[in-house]
């Protein structure tokens, strides 16, 4: 998982840097050259989508996602682990059903569509959904393994 974290962190960082450069280019062409770039707006939109869809599993895998721990913190140690397992199973089911299955359906439905400015197949943009789902499943499986081990050891 460390390799996946490193790759995701690098890809997300590069996306942010490229987005900043593209945004600066858009401002320069629009206000200084008075001839706005045609591709930057669409590129930034889809780069933001990719960054979000890769960033969500990255944050989840590093346990830096938004969570509400009020209820879980009131439980005893063993029940906290059981609650974490239940949450992981729910996340796993939703990741498979919504992101992987739904993402594959959306990606398949976009076959033959071309983006307006960049002239890329829309599947290039939509494929980030099932990829994000697969990454979420990987992180869920790793966390489930950790929680079951802790439950078995009686922590």
N, C-alpha and C. Protein backbone atom coordinates (compact mmCIF):
# COMPACT_ATOMS: atom_id res chain seq x y z
N UNK A 1 0.82 -1.20 0.00
CA UNK A 1 0.00 0.00 0.00
C UNK A 1 0.86 1.27 0.00
N UNK A 2 2.07 1.15 0.51
CA UNK A 2 2.96 2.31 0.52
C UNK A 2 3.27 2.78 -0.90
N UNK A 3 3.43 1.81 -1.81
CA UNK A 3 3.72 2.15 -3.21
C UNK A 3 2.53 2.88 -3.82
N UNK A 4 1.32 2.37 -3.57
CA UNK A 4 0.11 3.00 -4.09
C UNK A 4 -0.03 4.41 -3.52
N UNK A 5 0.22 4.57 -2.22
CA UNK A 5 0.16 5.90 -1.60
C UNK A 5 1.15 6.85 -2.25
N UNK A 6 2.35 6.37 -2.49
CA UNK A 6 3.39 7.22 -3.09
C UNK A 6 2.99 7.62 -4.52
N UNK A 7 2.51 6.65 -5.30
CA UNK A 7 2.09 6.94 -6.68
C UNK A 7 0.93 7.93 -6.68
N UNK A 8 -0.09 7.67 -5.85
CA UNK A 8 -1.25 8.57 -5.80
C UNK A 8 -0.84 9.97 -5.36
N UNK A 9 0.00 10.06 -4.33
CA UNK A 9 0.46 11.36 -3.87
C UNK A 9 1.20 12.13 -4.95
N UNK A 10 2.03 11.42 -5.71
CA UNK A 10 2.78 12.05 -6.79
C UNK A 10 1.85 12.51 -7.91
N UNK A 11 0.92 11.63 -8.31
CA UNK A 11 -0.01 11.98 -9.40
C UNK A 11 -0.87 13.18 -9.00
N UNK A 12 -1.37 13.18 -7.78
CA UNK A 12 -2.20 14.29 -7.31
C UNK A 12 -1.39 15.59 -7.26
N UNK A 13 -0.16 15.51 -6.79
CA UNK A 13 0.70 16.70 -6.72
C UNK A 13 0.99 17.25 -8.11
N UNK A 14 1.29 16.36 -9.05
CA UNK A 14 1.55 16.78 -10.43
C UNK A 14 0.29 17.41 -11.03
N UNK A 15 -0.88 16.80 -10.77
CA UNK A 15 -2.13 17.36 -11.28
C UNK A 15 -2.36 18.78 -10.74
N UNK A 16 -2.12 18.98 -9.46
CA UNK A 16 -2.30 20.31 -8.88
C UNK A 16 -1.34 21.31 -9.52
N UNK A 17 -0.09 20.92 -9.70
CA UNK A 17 0.90 21.82 -10.31
C UNK A 17 0.51 22.17 -11.75
N UNK A 18 0.09 21.17 -12.51
CA UNK A 18 -0.31 21.41 -13.90
C UNK A 18 -1.56 22.27 -13.94
N UNK A 19 -2.47 22.05 -13.00
CA UNK A 19 -3.69 22.87 -12.95
C UNK A 19 -3.36 24.33 -12.66
N UNK A 20 -2.42 24.57 -11.76
CA UNK A 20 -2.01 25.95 -11.46
C UNK A 20 -1.41 26.60 -12.70
N UNK A 21 -0.55 25.87 -13.40
CA UNK A 21 0.05 26.41 -14.62
C UNK A 21 -1.00 26.69 -15.69
N UNK A 22 -1.94 25.76 -15.86
CA UNK A 22 -3.00 25.96 -16.85
C UNK A 22 -3.89 27.14 -16.49
N UNK A 23 -4.16 27.30 -15.21
CA UNK A 23 -4.97 28.43 -14.76
C UNK A 23 -4.24 29.75 -15.01
N UNK A 24 -2.96 29.78 -14.73
CA UNK A 24 -2.16 30.98 -15.01
C UNK A 24 -2.14 31.28 -16.51
N UNK A 25 -2.00 30.24 -17.31
CA UNK A 25 -2.01 30.41 -18.76
C UNK A 25 -3.35 30.99 -19.22
N UNK A 26 -4.44 30.51 -18.64
CA UNK A 26 -5.76 31.01 -19.00
C UNK A 26 -5.88 32.50 -18.67
N UNK A 27 -5.39 32.91 -17.52
CA UNK A 27 -5.45 34.32 -17.12
C UNK A 27 -4.59 35.17 -18.06
N UNK A 28 -3.40 34.69 -18.38
CA UNK A 28 -2.51 35.43 -19.29
C UNK A 28 -3.14 35.60 -20.66
N UNK A 29 -3.67 34.50 -21.22
CA UNK A 29 -4.25 34.60 -22.57
C UNK A 29 -5.53 35.42 -22.58
N UNK A 30 -6.28 35.37 -21.52
CA UNK A 30 -7.55 36.11 -21.49
C UNK A 30 -7.34 37.61 -21.28
N UNK A 31 -6.51 37.97 -20.31
CA UNK A 31 -6.42 39.38 -19.93
C UNK A 31 -5.22 40.11 -20.53
N UNK A 32 -4.14 39.41 -20.79
CA UNK A 32 -2.97 40.09 -21.36
C UNK A 32 -2.94 40.00 -22.88
N UNK A 33 -3.24 38.84 -23.41
CA UNK A 33 -3.21 38.66 -24.86
C UNK A 33 -4.56 38.92 -25.52
N UNK A 34 -5.59 39.04 -24.70
CA UNK A 34 -6.95 39.29 -25.19
C UNK A 34 -7.44 38.23 -26.16
N UNK A 35 -6.93 37.02 -26.03
CA UNK A 35 -7.32 35.89 -26.87
C UNK A 35 -7.36 34.64 -25.98
N UNK A 36 -8.49 34.40 -25.30
CA UNK A 36 -8.53 33.31 -24.31
C UNK A 36 -8.26 31.94 -24.92
N UNK A 37 -7.50 31.18 -24.18
CA UNK A 37 -7.18 29.81 -24.60
C UNK A 37 -8.45 28.98 -24.63
N UNK A 38 -8.58 28.14 -25.63
CA UNK A 38 -9.81 27.36 -25.81
C UNK A 38 -9.85 26.09 -24.98
N UNK A 39 -8.71 25.54 -24.63
CA UNK A 39 -8.68 24.23 -24.01
C UNK A 39 -8.56 24.24 -22.49
N UNK A 40 -8.10 25.36 -21.91
CA UNK A 40 -7.76 25.34 -20.48
C UNK A 40 -8.96 25.14 -19.57
N UNK A 41 -10.09 25.73 -19.89
CA UNK A 41 -11.26 25.59 -19.02
C UNK A 41 -11.70 24.13 -18.93
N UNK A 42 -11.78 23.47 -20.07
CA UNK A 42 -12.18 22.06 -20.07
C UNK A 42 -11.12 21.19 -19.40
N UNK A 43 -9.86 21.48 -19.69
CA UNK A 43 -8.78 20.72 -19.05
C UNK A 43 -8.85 20.84 -17.54
N UNK A 44 -9.02 22.07 -17.04
CA UNK A 44 -9.08 22.29 -15.59
C UNK A 44 -10.27 21.58 -14.96
N UNK A 45 -11.39 21.59 -15.64
CA UNK A 45 -12.58 20.92 -15.12
C UNK A 45 -12.33 19.43 -14.95
N UNK A 46 -11.78 18.80 -15.97
CA UNK A 46 -11.57 17.35 -15.90
C UNK A 46 -10.37 16.99 -15.02
N UNK A 47 -9.38 17.85 -14.96
CA UNK A 47 -8.25 17.60 -14.05
C UNK A 47 -8.71 17.67 -12.60
N UNK A 48 -9.63 18.60 -12.31
CA UNK A 48 -10.19 18.69 -10.96
C UNK A 48 -10.98 17.43 -10.62
N UNK A 49 -11.72 16.92 -11.57
CA UNK A 49 -12.48 15.68 -11.35
C UNK A 49 -11.52 14.53 -11.06
N UNK A 50 -10.50 14.39 -11.88
CA UNK A 50 -9.51 13.32 -11.66
C UNK A 50 -8.82 13.48 -10.31
N UNK A 51 -8.44 14.72 -9.98
CA UNK A 51 -7.76 14.95 -8.71
C UNK A 51 -8.67 14.57 -7.54
N UNK A 52 -9.94 14.91 -7.63
CA UNK A 52 -10.89 14.58 -6.57
C UNK A 52 -11.10 13.08 -6.47
N UNK A 53 -11.26 12.43 -7.61
CA UNK A 53 -11.54 10.99 -7.60
C UNK A 53 -10.32 10.18 -7.18
N UNK A 54 -9.13 10.70 -7.36
CA UNK A 54 -7.93 10.03 -6.86
C UNK A 54 -7.62 10.47 -5.43
N UNK A 55 -7.98 11.69 -5.10
CA UNK A 55 -7.71 12.21 -3.76
C UNK A 55 -8.58 11.60 -2.68
N UNK A 56 -9.80 11.24 -3.02
CA UNK A 56 -10.70 10.64 -2.02
C UNK A 56 -10.15 9.32 -1.49
N UNK A 57 -9.80 8.36 -2.35
CA UNK A 57 -9.22 7.13 -1.80
C UNK A 57 -7.86 7.36 -1.15
N UNK A 58 -7.09 8.32 -1.65
CA UNK A 58 -5.79 8.62 -1.05
C UNK A 58 -5.98 9.10 0.40
N UNK A 59 -6.89 10.03 0.60
CA UNK A 59 -7.16 10.52 1.96
C UNK A 59 -7.75 9.42 2.83
N UNK A 60 -8.60 8.60 2.26
CA UNK A 60 -9.21 7.50 3.00
C UNK A 60 -8.15 6.49 3.43
N UNK A 61 -7.25 6.18 2.53
CA UNK A 61 -6.19 5.22 2.83
C UNK A 61 -5.22 5.72 3.88
N UNK A 62 -5.02 7.03 3.93
CA UNK A 62 -4.12 7.62 4.93
C UNK A 62 -4.87 8.01 6.20
N UNK A 63 -6.15 7.67 6.25
CA UNK A 63 -7.02 7.95 7.40
C UNK A 63 -7.09 9.45 7.67
N UNK A 64 -7.14 10.24 6.60
CA UNK A 64 -7.23 11.69 6.72
C UNK A 64 -8.54 12.23 6.17
N UNK A 65 -9.49 11.34 5.94
CA UNK A 65 -10.78 11.75 5.42
C UNK A 65 -11.63 12.34 6.55
N UNK A 66 -12.69 13.00 6.17
CA UNK A 66 -13.62 13.58 7.14
C UNK A 66 -14.37 12.46 7.83
N UNK A 67 -14.38 12.48 9.15
CA UNK A 67 -15.12 11.46 9.90
C UNK A 67 -15.70 12.08 11.16
N UNK A 68 -16.79 11.50 11.60
CA UNK A 68 -17.44 11.94 12.83
C UNK A 68 -17.27 10.82 13.83
N UNK A 69 -16.49 11.07 14.86
CA UNK A 69 -16.10 10.03 15.80
C UNK A 69 -16.84 10.12 17.13
N UNK A 70 -17.84 10.97 17.24
CA UNK A 70 -18.52 11.18 18.51
C UNK A 70 -19.08 9.87 19.06
N UNK A 71 -19.78 9.13 18.23
CA UNK A 71 -20.41 7.89 18.67
C UNK A 71 -19.38 6.80 18.93
N UNK A 72 -18.44 6.65 18.03
CA UNK A 72 -17.44 5.58 18.15
C UNK A 72 -16.59 5.77 19.41
N UNK A 73 -16.25 6.99 19.74
CA UNK A 73 -15.39 7.24 20.90
C UNK A 73 -16.06 6.89 22.23
N UNK A 74 -17.38 6.78 22.24
CA UNK A 74 -18.09 6.44 23.47
C UNK A 74 -18.08 4.94 23.75
N UNK A 75 -17.76 4.14 22.73
CA UNK A 75 -17.75 2.69 22.89
C UNK A 75 -16.47 2.22 23.58
N UNK A 76 -16.55 1.01 24.12
CA UNK A 76 -15.35 0.37 24.63
C UNK A 76 -14.49 -0.06 23.45
N UNK A 77 -13.26 -0.41 23.72
CA UNK A 77 -12.28 -0.71 22.68
C UNK A 77 -12.78 -1.75 21.68
N UNK A 78 -13.31 -2.86 22.17
CA UNK A 78 -13.74 -3.94 21.29
C UNK A 78 -14.93 -3.50 20.42
N UNK A 79 -15.85 -2.75 21.00
CA UNK A 79 -17.00 -2.26 20.23
C UNK A 79 -16.59 -1.17 19.24
N UNK A 80 -15.55 -0.42 19.55
CA UNK A 80 -15.03 0.55 18.59
C UNK A 80 -14.53 -0.16 17.35
N UNK A 81 -13.82 -1.25 17.55
CA UNK A 81 -13.30 -2.02 16.42
C UNK A 81 -14.44 -2.62 15.62
N UNK A 82 -15.44 -3.14 16.30
CA UNK A 82 -16.61 -3.71 15.60
C UNK A 82 -17.32 -2.63 14.77
N UNK A 83 -17.44 -1.45 15.33
CA UNK A 83 -18.06 -0.34 14.60
C UNK A 83 -17.22 0.03 13.38
N UNK A 84 -15.91 0.07 13.54
CA UNK A 84 -15.02 0.36 12.41
C UNK A 84 -15.16 -0.69 11.32
N UNK A 85 -15.30 -1.95 11.72
CA UNK A 85 -15.49 -3.03 10.74
C UNK A 85 -16.80 -2.83 9.99
N UNK A 86 -17.87 -2.49 10.72
CA UNK A 86 -19.17 -2.26 10.07
C UNK A 86 -19.08 -1.10 9.08
N UNK A 87 -18.41 -0.03 9.47
CA UNK A 87 -18.25 1.12 8.58
C UNK A 87 -17.46 0.72 7.34
N UNK A 88 -16.40 -0.05 7.52
CA UNK A 88 -15.58 -0.48 6.38
C UNK A 88 -16.39 -1.34 5.42
N UNK A 89 -17.23 -2.21 5.96
CA UNK A 89 -18.06 -3.07 5.10
C UNK A 89 -19.05 -2.22 4.31
N UNK A 90 -19.63 -1.21 4.94
CA UNK A 90 -20.54 -0.31 4.23
C UNK A 90 -19.80 0.44 3.13
N UNK A 91 -18.63 0.96 3.44
CA UNK A 91 -17.82 1.67 2.44
C UNK A 91 -17.44 0.72 1.30
N UNK A 92 -17.10 -0.51 1.64
CA UNK A 92 -16.74 -1.51 0.63
C UNK A 92 -17.90 -1.78 -0.32
N UNK A 93 -19.09 -1.99 0.24
CA UNK A 93 -20.28 -2.26 -0.57
C UNK A 93 -20.60 -1.06 -1.47
N UNK A 94 -20.57 0.14 -0.90
CA UNK A 94 -20.85 1.34 -1.70
C UNK A 94 -19.79 1.57 -2.78
N UNK A 95 -18.54 1.29 -2.45
CA UNK A 95 -17.47 1.46 -3.44
C UNK A 95 -17.66 0.52 -4.63
N UNK A 96 -18.05 -0.71 -4.32
CA UNK A 96 -18.27 -1.68 -5.40
C UNK A 96 -19.51 -1.31 -6.20
N UNK A 97 -20.63 -1.05 -5.50
CA UNK A 97 -21.90 -0.81 -6.19
C UNK A 97 -21.92 0.51 -6.94
N UNK A 98 -21.49 1.57 -6.30
CA UNK A 98 -21.61 2.90 -6.90
C UNK A 98 -20.42 3.22 -7.80
N UNK A 99 -19.22 3.11 -7.25
CA UNK A 99 -18.05 3.54 -8.00
C UNK A 99 -17.63 2.55 -9.08
N UNK A 100 -17.52 1.28 -8.73
CA UNK A 100 -17.03 0.33 -9.72
C UNK A 100 -18.12 -0.02 -10.73
N UNK A 101 -19.24 -0.57 -10.25
CA UNK A 101 -20.30 -0.98 -11.18
C UNK A 101 -20.90 0.23 -11.88
N UNK A 102 -21.28 1.25 -11.10
CA UNK A 102 -21.85 2.46 -11.70
C UNK A 102 -20.86 3.18 -12.60
N UNK A 103 -19.60 3.23 -12.18
CA UNK A 103 -18.58 3.89 -12.98
C UNK A 103 -18.33 3.19 -14.31
N UNK A 104 -18.36 1.86 -14.28
CA UNK A 104 -18.20 1.11 -15.53
C UNK A 104 -19.38 1.38 -16.45
N UNK A 105 -20.58 1.44 -15.88
CA UNK A 105 -21.77 1.72 -16.70
C UNK A 105 -21.69 3.11 -17.33
N UNK A 106 -21.31 4.11 -16.54
CA UNK A 106 -21.19 5.48 -17.05
C UNK A 106 -20.10 5.56 -18.12
N UNK A 107 -18.99 4.91 -17.86
CA UNK A 107 -17.89 4.91 -18.83
C UNK A 107 -18.31 4.25 -20.13
N UNK A 108 -19.02 3.13 -20.02
CA UNK A 108 -19.50 2.44 -21.22
C UNK A 108 -20.52 3.28 -21.98
N UNK A 109 -21.39 3.98 -21.25
CA UNK A 109 -22.40 4.82 -21.90
C UNK A 109 -21.80 6.01 -22.63
N UNK A 110 -20.60 6.40 -22.24
CA UNK A 110 -19.98 7.56 -22.87
C UNK A 110 -19.20 7.20 -24.14
N UNK A 111 -19.24 5.94 -24.51
CA UNK A 111 -18.53 5.50 -25.72
C UNK A 111 -19.04 6.27 -26.93
N UNK A 112 -18.12 6.76 -27.72
CA UNK A 112 -18.47 7.49 -28.92
C UNK A 112 -18.60 8.99 -28.72
N UNK A 113 -18.62 9.45 -27.48
CA UNK A 113 -18.71 10.88 -27.21
C UNK A 113 -17.30 11.48 -27.16
N UNK A 114 -17.18 12.68 -27.68
CA UNK A 114 -15.89 13.37 -27.74
C UNK A 114 -16.03 14.69 -26.98
N UNK A 115 -15.01 15.05 -26.20
CA UNK A 115 -15.06 16.33 -25.47
C UNK A 115 -14.95 17.49 -26.45
N UNK A 116 -15.55 18.60 -26.09
CA UNK A 116 -15.65 19.73 -27.01
C UNK A 116 -14.31 20.37 -27.35
N UNK A 117 -13.53 20.74 -26.36
CA UNK A 117 -12.31 21.50 -26.62
C UNK A 117 -11.09 20.61 -26.85
N UNK A 118 -10.94 19.58 -26.03
CA UNK A 118 -9.73 18.75 -26.12
C UNK A 118 -9.86 17.63 -27.14
N UNK A 119 -11.07 17.36 -27.58
CA UNK A 119 -11.33 16.31 -28.59
C UNK A 119 -10.87 14.93 -28.13
N UNK A 120 -10.99 14.67 -26.83
CA UNK A 120 -10.65 13.37 -26.26
C UNK A 120 -11.93 12.58 -26.03
N UNK A 121 -11.86 11.25 -26.11
CA UNK A 121 -13.05 10.45 -25.80
C UNK A 121 -13.49 10.71 -24.36
N UNK A 122 -14.78 10.83 -24.14
CA UNK A 122 -15.30 11.10 -22.80
C UNK A 122 -14.98 9.96 -21.84
N UNK A 123 -14.71 8.79 -22.37
CA UNK A 123 -14.34 7.67 -21.51
C UNK A 123 -13.06 7.97 -20.72
N UNK A 124 -12.18 8.78 -21.29
CA UNK A 124 -10.94 9.16 -20.59
C UNK A 124 -11.29 9.89 -19.29
N UNK A 125 -12.34 10.66 -19.32
CA UNK A 125 -12.74 11.42 -18.13
C UNK A 125 -13.51 10.55 -17.14
N UNK A 126 -14.40 9.70 -17.65
CA UNK A 126 -15.26 8.93 -16.76
C UNK A 126 -14.57 7.71 -16.15
N UNK A 127 -13.49 7.25 -16.71
CA UNK A 127 -12.83 6.05 -16.20
C UNK A 127 -12.23 6.29 -14.80
N UNK A 128 -12.12 7.54 -14.40
CA UNK A 128 -11.61 7.82 -13.05
C UNK A 128 -12.56 7.31 -11.97
N UNK A 129 -13.84 7.14 -12.29
CA UNK A 129 -14.81 6.68 -11.29
C UNK A 129 -14.54 5.23 -10.89
N UNK A 130 -14.48 4.27 -11.84
CA UNK A 130 -14.17 2.91 -11.41
C UNK A 130 -12.75 2.76 -10.86
N UNK A 131 -11.82 3.56 -11.35
CA UNK A 131 -10.46 3.51 -10.80
C UNK A 131 -10.49 3.92 -9.33
N UNK A 132 -11.21 4.98 -9.03
CA UNK A 132 -11.36 5.43 -7.65
C UNK A 132 -12.02 4.35 -6.80
N UNK A 133 -13.03 3.70 -7.35
CA UNK A 133 -13.70 2.61 -6.62
C UNK A 133 -12.77 1.46 -6.32
N UNK A 134 -11.95 1.09 -7.29
CA UNK A 134 -10.98 0.00 -7.08
C UNK A 134 -9.97 0.37 -6.00
N UNK A 135 -9.52 1.60 -6.01
CA UNK A 135 -8.59 2.05 -4.97
C UNK A 135 -9.26 2.04 -3.59
N UNK A 136 -10.52 2.46 -3.54
CA UNK A 136 -11.25 2.43 -2.27
C UNK A 136 -11.38 1.00 -1.76
N UNK A 137 -11.66 0.06 -2.67
CA UNK A 137 -11.77 -1.35 -2.27
C UNK A 137 -10.44 -1.85 -1.71
N UNK A 138 -9.35 -1.50 -2.38
CA UNK A 138 -8.03 -1.91 -1.87
C UNK A 138 -7.78 -1.38 -0.46
N UNK A 139 -8.06 -0.11 -0.26
CA UNK A 139 -7.86 0.47 1.06
C UNK A 139 -8.81 -0.14 2.09
N UNK A 140 -10.05 -0.40 1.69
CA UNK A 140 -11.01 -1.04 2.61
C UNK A 140 -10.53 -2.42 3.03
N UNK A 141 -10.04 -3.19 2.07
CA UNK A 141 -9.57 -4.54 2.39
C UNK A 141 -8.38 -4.48 3.35
N UNK A 142 -7.49 -3.53 3.12
CA UNK A 142 -6.33 -3.39 4.01
C UNK A 142 -6.77 -3.00 5.41
N UNK A 143 -7.72 -2.08 5.50
CA UNK A 143 -8.21 -1.64 6.81
C UNK A 143 -9.02 -2.73 7.50
N UNK A 144 -9.82 -3.47 6.74
CA UNK A 144 -10.57 -4.59 7.32
C UNK A 144 -9.63 -5.63 7.91
N UNK A 145 -8.56 -5.91 7.18
CA UNK A 145 -7.56 -6.86 7.68
C UNK A 145 -6.99 -6.37 9.01
N UNK A 146 -6.68 -5.08 9.06
CA UNK A 146 -6.13 -4.50 10.29
C UNK A 146 -7.13 -4.58 11.45
N UNK A 147 -8.40 -4.24 11.17
CA UNK A 147 -9.40 -4.26 12.25
C UNK A 147 -9.68 -5.68 12.72
N UNK A 148 -9.77 -6.64 11.79
CA UNK A 148 -10.01 -8.02 12.20
C UNK A 148 -8.84 -8.57 13.01
N UNK A 149 -7.63 -8.18 12.63
CA UNK A 149 -6.45 -8.60 13.40
C UNK A 149 -6.50 -8.03 14.82
N UNK A 150 -6.85 -6.76 14.93
CA UNK A 150 -6.96 -6.14 16.26
C UNK A 150 -8.08 -6.78 17.08
N UNK A 151 -9.19 -7.10 16.42
CA UNK A 151 -10.30 -7.74 17.12
C UNK A 151 -9.90 -9.12 17.63
N UNK A 152 -9.18 -9.85 16.77
CA UNK A 152 -8.73 -11.20 17.13
C UNK A 152 -7.72 -11.16 18.29
N UNK A 153 -6.84 -10.16 18.26
CA UNK A 153 -5.83 -10.04 19.31
C UNK A 153 -6.41 -9.47 20.60
N UNK A 154 -7.64 -8.97 20.53
CA UNK A 154 -8.31 -8.48 21.72
C UNK A 154 -7.87 -7.11 22.19
N UNK A 155 -7.47 -6.25 21.27
CA UNK A 155 -7.01 -4.90 21.64
C UNK A 155 -8.19 -4.02 22.00
